[in-house]
Amino acid sequence: MKKITISIITLFAYSFSLCAYDATNGKEMYNEAKCAECHIPAHFTSKKRKATNYKKLQKSVESCRYSTNADWFDEDRDDVVHYLNKEYYKYNIKK
């Protein structure tokens, strides 16, 4: 019984980690894709910014991903969104 409980807890912890965002990876992906060539930090902090909530931020990153042909997995895109949110936007995340 003890082994089963430990296995279930381990499986739960592992599956939770798969759902977690990785802001460090997001920053790396952002830098490798040279996003800063078009998006300076002032774009993210301006009161006139396009992404006025987390969902719009996701859509903006997805749009840039396709327009630049960034070679990102969906998880990488999500990490970039999380990085930008953590660094600049600070919106509540509802996953």
Protein backbone atom coordinates (compact mmCIF):
# COMPACT_ATOMS: atom_id res chain seq x y z
CA MET A 1 0.00 0.00 0.00
CA LYS A 2 2.84 2.36 0.84
CA LYS A 3 4.43 1.84 -2.61
CA ILE A 4 1.12 2.60 -4.32
CA THR A 5 0.69 5.82 -2.35
CA ILE A 6 4.23 6.95 -3.15
CA SER A 7 3.70 6.08 -6.82
CA ILE A 8 0.48 8.10 -6.96
CA ILE A 9 2.09 11.10 -5.29
CA THR A 10 5.09 10.91 -7.64
CA LEU A 11 2.85 10.65 -10.68
CA PHE A 12 0.77 13.60 -9.49
CA ALA A 13 3.85 15.74 -8.87
CA TYR A 14 5.30 14.83 -12.26
CA SER A 15 2.07 15.62 -14.12
CA PHE A 16 1.79 18.95 -12.29
CA SER A 17 5.32 19.89 -13.38
CA LEU A 18 4.39 19.23 -17.01
CA CYS A 19 1.71 21.92 -16.74
CA ALA A 20 4.00 24.51 -15.18
CA TYR A 21 5.32 27.38 -17.22
CA ASP A 22 9.06 27.92 -17.57
CA ALA A 23 9.84 31.65 -17.69
CA THR A 24 13.56 30.91 -18.13
CA ASN A 25 12.85 28.93 -21.29
CA GLY A 26 10.47 31.69 -22.38
CA LYS A 27 13.19 34.29 -22.06
CA GLU A 28 15.60 32.11 -24.03
CA MET A 29 13.05 31.54 -26.79
CA TYR A 30 12.25 35.27 -26.88
CA ASN A 31 15.94 36.12 -27.22
CA GLU A 32 16.70 33.40 -29.80
CA ALA A 33 13.78 34.55 -31.98
CA LYS A 34 15.13 38.12 -31.74
CA CYS A 35 11.75 39.43 -30.62
CA ALA A 36 13.45 42.52 -29.15
CA GLU A 37 14.24 43.72 -32.67
CA CYS A 38 10.56 44.68 -32.98
CA HIS A 39 9.44 44.78 -29.35
CA ILE A 40 11.34 47.04 -26.99
CA PRO A 41 10.39 46.96 -23.29
CA ALA A 42 8.49 50.23 -23.68
CA HIS A 43 6.00 48.37 -25.88
CA PHE A 44 5.12 46.15 -22.95
CA THR A 45 4.86 48.88 -20.33
CA SER A 46 3.05 51.54 -22.36
CA LYS A 47 -0.50 52.42 -21.39
CA LYS A 48 -1.38 52.05 -25.08
CA ARG A 49 -0.15 48.46 -25.27
CA LYS A 50 -2.17 46.06 -27.40
CA ALA A 51 -2.28 43.23 -24.90
CA THR A 52 -4.59 44.57 -22.21
CA ASN A 53 -5.15 41.17 -20.56
CA TYR A 54 -3.55 37.73 -20.42
CA LYS A 55 -5.69 36.25 -23.18
CA LYS A 56 -4.74 39.10 -25.56
CA LEU A 57 -1.08 38.60 -24.64
CA GLN A 58 -1.40 34.95 -25.64
CA LYS A 59 -2.97 35.94 -28.96
CA SER A 60 -0.27 38.55 -29.63
CA VAL A 61 2.54 36.08 -29.03
CA GLU A 62 0.80 33.49 -31.20
CA SER A 63 0.42 36.06 -33.99
CA CYS A 64 4.12 36.95 -33.83
CA ARG A 65 5.03 33.27 -33.74
CA TYR A 66 3.31 32.67 -37.06
CA SER A 67 4.34 35.90 -38.75
CA THR A 68 8.02 35.26 -37.96
CA ASN A 69 7.88 31.49 -38.47
CA ALA A 70 9.39 31.01 -35.02
CA ASP A 71 10.22 27.35 -34.63
CA TRP A 72 8.46 26.95 -31.27
CA PHE A 73 6.44 24.15 -29.80
CA ASP A 74 3.17 25.22 -28.19
CA GLU A 75 4.85 24.82 -24.80
CA ASP A 76 7.61 27.22 -25.88
CA ARG A 77 5.00 29.77 -26.95
CA ASP A 78 3.32 29.40 -23.56
CA ASP A 79 6.67 29.88 -21.84
CA VAL A 80 7.26 33.10 -23.81
CA VAL A 81 3.82 34.36 -22.81
CA HIS A 82 4.58 33.52 -19.19
CA TYR A 83 7.98 35.21 -19.36
CA LEU A 84 6.47 38.41 -20.78
CA ASN A 85 3.68 38.34 -18.23
CA LYS A 86 6.06 37.75 -15.34
CA GLU A 87 8.54 40.38 -16.51
CA TYR A 88 6.22 43.15 -17.72
CA TYR A 89 2.46 42.63 -17.64
CA LYS A 90 1.70 40.94 -14.30
CA TYR A 91 -1.78 39.73 -15.31
CA ASN A 92 -3.56 37.03 -13.30
CA ILE A 93 -3.10 33.67 -14.97
CA LYS A 94 -6.04 31.32 -15.26
CA LYS A 95 -4.75 28.17 -16.82
